[in-house]
Amino acid sequence: MKRCRLVLSGSGGQGVITAAIILAETAVLHENLHAVQSQAYGPEARGGATRSDVIISSEPINFPKVYQPNVLVCLTQQAYNKFFSIVRPGGMLITDPRFVKVESKANAVQKELPMFETVMDKIGKPIVFNICMLGALIPLIELIKAESVRKVLKNRIPSGFLDLNYQAFDFGLALGEAARN
């Protein structure tokens, strides 16, 4: 593996930036990889557009911005409309059908994963939607071990919410595994 460029996008309050930070931290602390994470969001605290770039590499990273991601995740229609065209040809575009209607075809492998529906059906709390999305990413990008992410979750998530996050992560892993085939 040389380099994987990811853009996670959605709206403020969905936890996109938190998921990106956990992903980058996992790569550096537990997978002996280089990673950078940057973020951009609208002036609104909740509901505004959010984007987080993550680069994971086996070599040093000189520039933190992602222009053509290998993997693009869009968790809102607004994010999809704004970013679907930036995915690298042959890359992967991941959306949730609850929030995104895929209207235009990107030159990428498109995966529609019912992450929000799964979280609501199995857990009933939307607050862990981002962790489910993170779990779905792991088997699809094949860069990071699930156990490494669990270690970072254990250090970042308050203990009273850890089991809930582990559950969401595991449901995401199952969605990603199923979508890989």
Protein backbone atom coordinates (compact mmCIF):
# COMPACT_ATOMS: atom_id res chain seq x y z
CA MET A 1 0.00 0.00 0.00
CA LYS A 2 1.33 3.35 -0.93
CA ARG A 3 -1.42 5.81 -0.16
CA CYS A 4 -5.18 5.97 0.39
CA ARG A 5 -6.99 9.29 0.24
CA LEU A 6 -10.43 9.51 1.86
CA VAL A 7 -13.04 12.23 2.12
CA LEU A 8 -15.80 11.77 4.69
CA SER A 9 -18.64 14.24 4.21
CA GLY A 10 -22.00 14.97 5.75
CA SER A 11 -23.47 17.60 8.01
CA GLY A 12 -22.48 18.99 11.37
CA GLY A 13 -23.67 16.78 14.19
CA GLN A 14 -23.28 13.49 12.31
CA GLY A 15 -19.81 12.82 13.76
CA VAL A 16 -17.99 12.76 10.42
CA ILE A 17 -14.98 14.60 11.84
CA THR A 18 -14.83 12.38 14.92
CA ALA A 19 -14.84 9.26 12.72
CA ALA A 20 -12.05 10.72 10.57
CA ILE A 21 -9.94 11.52 13.64
CA ILE A 22 -10.41 7.99 14.97
CA LEU A 23 -9.43 6.53 11.59
CA ALA A 24 -6.25 8.61 11.32
CA GLU A 25 -5.32 8.01 14.94
CA THR A 26 -5.76 4.26 14.50
CA ALA A 27 -3.46 4.22 11.46
CA VAL A 28 -0.69 6.05 13.29
CA LEU A 29 -0.91 4.52 16.76
CA HIS A 30 -1.73 0.90 15.97
CA GLU A 31 -0.92 0.15 12.33
CA ASN A 32 2.51 1.78 12.00
CA LEU A 33 1.31 3.95 9.12
CA HIS A 34 1.48 7.68 8.42
CA ALA A 35 -1.79 9.62 8.48
CA VAL A 36 -3.07 13.17 8.33
CA GLN A 37 -6.57 14.43 8.95
CA SER A 38 -8.00 17.85 8.16
CA GLN A 39 -11.51 19.21 8.31
CA ALA A 40 -13.78 21.92 6.98
CA TYR A 41 -17.26 22.81 8.08
CA GLY A 42 -19.81 25.53 7.70
CA PRO A 43 -20.41 28.23 10.34
CA GLU A 44 -23.40 26.35 11.77
CA ALA A 45 -22.73 24.16 14.79
CA ARG A 46 -25.21 21.54 13.57
CA GLY A 47 -26.65 20.98 10.13
CA GLY A 48 -23.98 22.78 8.12
CA ALA A 49 -21.82 21.03 5.54
CA THR A 50 -18.91 19.04 6.96
CA ARG A 51 -15.94 17.49 5.23
CA SER A 52 -12.94 15.69 6.65
CA ASP A 53 -9.95 14.58 4.60
CA VAL A 54 -7.83 11.62 5.69
CA ILE A 55 -4.68 10.38 4.02
CA ILE A 56 -3.20 7.08 5.15
CA SER A 57 0.15 6.05 3.75
CA SER A 58 3.07 3.73 4.28
CA GLU A 59 5.31 6.67 3.32
CA PRO A 60 5.55 10.22 4.70
CA ILE A 61 2.76 12.60 3.65
CA ASN A 62 3.76 16.03 2.41
CA PHE A 63 0.38 17.65 1.73
CA PRO A 64 -2.77 17.15 3.85
CA LYS A 65 -5.50 18.11 1.33
CA VAL A 66 -7.36 15.52 -0.73
CA TYR A 67 -8.42 16.52 -4.24
CA GLN A 68 -9.31 13.14 -5.77
CA PRO A 69 -10.12 10.66 -3.01
CA ASN A 70 -9.83 6.92 -3.50
CA VAL A 71 -12.79 6.68 -1.13
CA LEU A 72 -15.58 9.23 -0.78
CA VAL A 73 -18.28 8.88 1.88
CA CYS A 74 -21.36 11.10 1.56
CA LEU A 75 -23.87 11.00 4.42
CA THR A 76 -26.18 13.76 3.17
CA GLN A 77 -27.66 14.73 -0.16
CA GLN A 78 -25.96 18.11 0.07
CA ALA A 79 -22.56 16.43 0.54
CA TYR A 80 -23.24 14.06 -2.34
CA ASN A 81 -24.30 16.87 -4.67
CA LYS A 82 -21.21 18.87 -3.78
CA PHE A 83 -18.57 16.14 -3.77
CA PHE A 84 -19.59 13.10 -5.89
CA SER A 85 -17.58 14.37 -8.86
CA ILE A 86 -14.27 14.52 -6.97
CA VAL A 87 -13.90 10.77 -6.40
CA ARG A 88 -10.92 9.35 -8.24
CA PRO A 89 -11.86 7.35 -11.37
CA GLY A 90 -12.09 3.72 -10.26
CA GLY A 91 -12.39 4.79 -6.62
CA MET A 92 -15.23 4.02 -4.22
CA LEU A 93 -18.28 6.14 -3.37
CA ILE A 94 -20.17 5.15 -0.22
CA THR A 95 -23.61 6.57 0.56
CA ASP A 96 -26.50 5.83 2.89
CA PRO A 97 -29.80 5.43 0.98
CA ARG A 98 -31.73 6.96 3.91
CA PHE A 99 -30.12 10.34 3.25
CA VAL A 100 -28.70 10.20 -0.28
CA LYS A 101 -30.46 9.56 -3.56
CA VAL A 102 -27.75 8.66 -6.05
CA GLU A 103 -28.66 10.75 -9.06
CA SER A 104 -25.49 10.99 -11.09
CA LYS A 105 -23.12 8.20 -11.83
CA ALA A 106 -19.60 8.81 -10.66
CA ASN A 107 -16.78 6.93 -12.35
CA ALA A 108 -16.39 4.84 -9.21
CA VAL A 109 -17.63 1.73 -7.49
CA GLN A 110 -20.80 2.84 -5.73
CA LYS A 111 -21.86 1.26 -2.45
CA GLU A 112 -25.19 2.15 -0.88
CA LEU A 113 -25.12 0.90 2.70
CA PRO A 114 -28.12 1.16 5.04
CA MET A 115 -26.01 2.34 7.98
CA PHE A 116 -28.56 4.68 9.56
CA GLU A 117 -31.38 2.15 9.23
CA THR A 118 -29.18 -0.54 10.80
CA VAL A 119 -28.26 1.69 13.72
CA MET A 120 -31.88 2.67 14.33
CA ASP A 121 -33.21 -0.89 13.99
CA LYS A 122 -30.57 -2.54 16.15
CA ILE A 123 -29.60 0.19 18.62
CA GLY A 124 -32.30 2.85 18.36
CA LYS A 125 -29.94 5.81 18.88
CA PRO A 126 -28.67 7.85 15.93
CA ILE A 127 -25.70 9.17 17.91
CA VAL A 128 -23.55 6.19 16.84
CA PHE A 129 -24.29 6.49 13.09
CA ASN A 130 -20.74 7.76 12.52
CA ILE A 131 -19.18 4.77 14.26
CA CYS A 132 -21.30 2.41 12.16
CA MET A 133 -20.00 4.24 9.07
CA LEU A 134 -16.44 3.87 10.36
CA GLY A 135 -17.02 0.15 10.85
CA ALA A 136 -18.32 -0.19 7.29
CA LEU A 137 -15.18 1.50 5.96
CA ILE A 138 -12.73 -0.91 7.58
CA PRO A 139 -13.39 -4.02 5.41
CA LEU A 140 -13.87 -1.86 2.31
CA ILE A 141 -10.53 -0.04 2.52
CA GLU A 142 -8.57 -3.02 3.92
CA LEU A 143 -5.91 -0.86 5.61
CA ILE A 144 -6.72 -1.02 9.28
CA LYS A 145 -7.60 -3.88 11.58
CA ALA A 146 -10.93 -3.72 13.40
CA GLU A 147 -9.19 -4.52 16.69
CA SER A 148 -6.98 -1.46 16.26
CA VAL A 149 -10.04 0.77 15.89
CA ARG A 150 -11.54 -0.77 19.03
CA LYS A 151 -8.40 0.25 20.97
CA VAL A 152 -8.80 3.87 19.86
CA LEU A 153 -12.52 3.81 20.64
CA LYS A 154 -11.72 2.57 24.13
CA ASN A 155 -9.46 5.58 24.72
CA ARG A 156 -11.72 8.19 23.07
CA ILE A 157 -15.25 7.20 24.08
CA PRO A 158 -16.54 7.65 27.65
CA SER A 159 -16.86 4.24 29.31
CA GLY A 160 -20.63 4.56 29.71
CA PHE A 161 -21.03 4.76 25.92
CA LEU A 162 -18.34 2.31 24.88
CA ASP A 163 -20.57 -0.77 24.48
CA LEU A 164 -23.02 1.22 22.35
CA ASN A 165 -20.16 2.33 20.10
CA TYR A 166 -18.72 -1.18 19.87
CA GLN A 167 -22.14 -2.46 18.80
CA ALA A 168 -22.46 0.21 16.10
CA PHE A 169 -18.92 -0.50 14.93
CA ASP A 170 -19.65 -4.23 14.66
CA PHE A 171 -22.86 -3.61 12.70
CA GLY A 172 -20.86 -1.39 10.35
CA LEU A 173 -18.20 -4.07 9.94
CA ALA A 174 -20.90 -6.54 8.90
CA LEU A 175 -22.32 -4.07 6.35
CA GLY A 176 -18.87 -3.40 4.92
CA GLU A 177 -18.04 -7.10 4.75
CA ALA A 178 -21.28 -7.86 2.91
CA ALA A 179 -20.69 -4.97 0.48
CA ARG A 180 -17.15 -6.08 -0.28
CA ASN A 181 -18.39 -9.08 -2.22
